[in-house]
Amino acid sequence: QVSLVESGGGLVQAGGSLRLSCAASGRAFNNYNMGWFRQAPGKEREFVGVISWNSEATRYANSVKGRFTISRENAKNMLYLQMNSLKPEDTAIYYCAATIYMATAIDKYNYWGQGTQVTVSS
C-alpha cells in the first residue's frame, strides 16, 4: 500500500507558475513510477505526465510539454510537478498516482492521492 498526499495547488494568473508536491508513505516509493493526472469540471481525468522510478525517463501529454516538468526525490519520498506558463485551460484538480508501468492510462495506476485544486485566471 502506498499513501499519496498532494499539496501546492492554488489560484494563479495566466502566465504564472505553481509547483505541486506529492508526499508518499508506505511501501518503497522508489519501487514505483509516478504520474500526474488532472480532471477539469465536467471532463474525464487525463494524463499529464509520468516519471520513472529512477528519474531517467519522463513522458508528457502534448498539452503540457515544454511547460510542465516532473521530478522526484526518492530520499524524501517526494514527487513534484513544476508548472510554468499556466493557461486557464490548465484549471483542474491535479492528482499524483503510482504505477509499475511507464503508463499514460489511468487503469495502470494502483494508488492515488486525493487531489489538489489548481485554478488559473485569465
Protein backbone atom coordinates (compact mmCIF):
# COMPACT_ATOMS: atom_id res chain seq x y z
CA GLN A 1 0.00 0.00 0.00
CA VAL A 2 1.23 3.48 -0.92
CA SER A 3 -0.40 6.58 0.51
CA LEU A 4 -0.13 9.78 -1.52
CA VAL A 5 -0.93 13.35 -0.48
CA GLU A 6 -0.79 16.26 -2.92
CA SER A 7 -0.22 19.89 -1.97
CA GLY A 8 0.69 23.19 -3.55
CA GLY A 9 -2.42 23.96 -5.52
CA GLY A 10 -3.99 27.38 -5.57
CA LEU A 11 -5.11 30.33 -7.65
CA VAL A 12 -2.67 31.83 -10.15
CA GLN A 13 -2.93 34.24 -13.05
CA ALA A 14 -2.40 33.10 -16.61
CA GLY A 15 1.30 33.04 -17.42
CA GLY A 16 2.21 32.30 -13.83
CA SER A 17 3.79 29.27 -12.20
CA LEU A 18 2.98 26.75 -9.48
CA ARG A 19 4.79 23.76 -8.08
CA LEU A 20 2.76 20.84 -6.87
CA SER A 21 4.13 18.32 -4.42
CA CYS A 22 3.12 14.75 -3.68
CA ALA A 23 4.26 13.13 -0.45
CA ALA A 24 4.37 9.34 -0.40
CA SER A 25 4.34 6.94 2.52
CA GLY A 26 4.04 3.20 2.92
CA ARG A 27 5.75 0.76 0.58
CA ALA A 28 9.06 1.72 -1.04
CA PHE A 29 8.49 4.85 -3.08
CA ASN A 30 11.33 4.03 -5.44
CA ASN A 31 9.60 0.80 -6.49
CA TYR A 32 7.13 2.87 -8.47
CA ASN A 33 6.96 5.07 -11.50
CA MET A 34 4.91 8.14 -10.63
CA GLY A 35 2.36 10.01 -12.66
CA TRP A 36 0.36 13.20 -12.59
CA PHE A 37 -3.21 13.40 -13.86
CA ARG A 38 -5.79 16.16 -13.87
CA GLN A 39 -9.55 16.45 -14.05
CA ALA A 40 -11.37 19.59 -15.08
CA PRO A 41 -15.04 20.17 -14.23
CA GLY A 42 -17.27 18.09 -16.46
CA LYS A 43 -14.35 16.32 -18.10
CA GLU A 44 -12.67 12.96 -17.73
CA ARG A 45 -9.45 12.58 -15.81
CA GLU A 46 -6.49 12.93 -18.17
CA PHE A 47 -2.82 12.08 -18.19
CA VAL A 48 -0.35 14.90 -17.57
CA GLY A 49 2.99 13.14 -17.22
CA VAL A 50 4.94 10.25 -15.72
CA ILE A 51 8.45 9.81 -14.36
CA SER A 52 10.34 6.55 -13.97
CA TRP A 53 11.39 5.27 -10.57
CA ASN A 54 14.99 6.42 -11.12
CA SER A 55 14.11 9.72 -12.87
CA GLU A 56 15.80 8.57 -16.07
CA ALA A 57 12.65 8.71 -18.18
CA THR A 58 9.68 11.05 -18.43
CA ARG A 59 6.65 11.33 -20.67
CA TYR A 60 4.28 14.24 -21.01
CA ALA A 61 0.95 14.98 -22.57
CA ASN A 62 1.27 17.16 -25.65
CA SER A 63 -0.83 19.83 -23.98
CA VAL A 64 1.78 20.42 -21.26
CA LYS A 65 5.02 19.51 -23.00
CA GLY A 66 7.58 22.29 -22.66
CA ARG A 67 5.63 23.97 -19.84
CA PHE A 68 5.43 21.30 -17.11
CA THR A 69 8.29 19.33 -15.56
CA ILE A 70 8.03 16.28 -13.33
CA SER A 71 10.76 15.48 -10.83
CA ARG A 72 11.19 13.32 -7.76
CA GLU A 73 13.38 12.95 -4.69
CA ASN A 74 13.39 9.31 -3.66
CA ALA A 75 15.33 10.01 -0.46
CA LYS A 76 12.46 12.24 0.66
CA ASN A 77 9.61 10.18 -0.84
CA MET A 78 8.54 13.26 -2.80
CA LEU A 79 7.20 13.85 -6.29
CA TYR A 80 6.88 17.29 -7.90
CA LEU A 81 5.15 18.95 -10.82
CA GLN A 82 6.58 22.31 -11.85
CA MET A 83 4.00 24.15 -13.94
CA ASN A 84 5.06 27.22 -15.90
CA SER A 85 3.27 29.45 -18.40
CA LEU A 86 -0.04 28.38 -16.97
CA LYS A 87 -3.20 28.78 -19.03
CA PRO A 88 -6.85 28.94 -17.97
CA GLU A 89 -7.35 25.54 -19.59
CA ASP A 90 -4.91 24.08 -17.05
CA THR A 91 -7.54 24.64 -14.36
CA ALA A 92 -8.31 21.26 -12.82
CA ILE A 93 -7.86 19.04 -9.81
CA TYR A 94 -4.39 17.53 -10.05
CA TYR A 95 -3.70 14.00 -8.79
CA CYS A 96 -0.50 12.06 -8.29
CA ALA A 97 -0.54 8.31 -8.73
CA ALA A 98 1.79 5.31 -8.54
CA THR A 99 2.33 2.55 -11.09
CA ILE A 100 4.81 -0.15 -12.00
CA TYR A 101 4.45 0.85 -15.67
CA MET A 102 5.59 3.90 -17.68
CA ALA A 103 1.93 4.35 -18.41
CA THR A 104 -0.45 7.03 -19.65
CA ALA A 105 -3.60 5.00 -18.98
CA ILE A 106 -5.48 5.58 -15.75
CA ASP A 107 -6.14 1.88 -15.20
CA LYS A 108 -2.40 1.17 -14.96
CA TYR A 109 -2.14 3.17 -11.75
CA ASN A 110 -2.77 1.42 -8.47
CA TYR A 111 -2.51 4.18 -5.89
CA TRP A 112 -3.93 7.71 -5.99
CA GLY A 113 -3.84 10.84 -3.91
CA GLN A 114 -6.89 12.91 -3.05
CA GLY A 115 -6.02 15.75 -5.43
CA THR A 116 -5.20 19.43 -5.18
CA GLN A 117 -7.08 22.22 -6.95
CA VAL A 118 -5.30 24.45 -9.45
CA THR A 119 -7.18 27.45 -10.79
CA VAL A 120 -5.71 29.67 -13.49
CA SER A 121 -7.44 33.00 -14.01
CA SER A 122 -7.38 34.86 -17.31
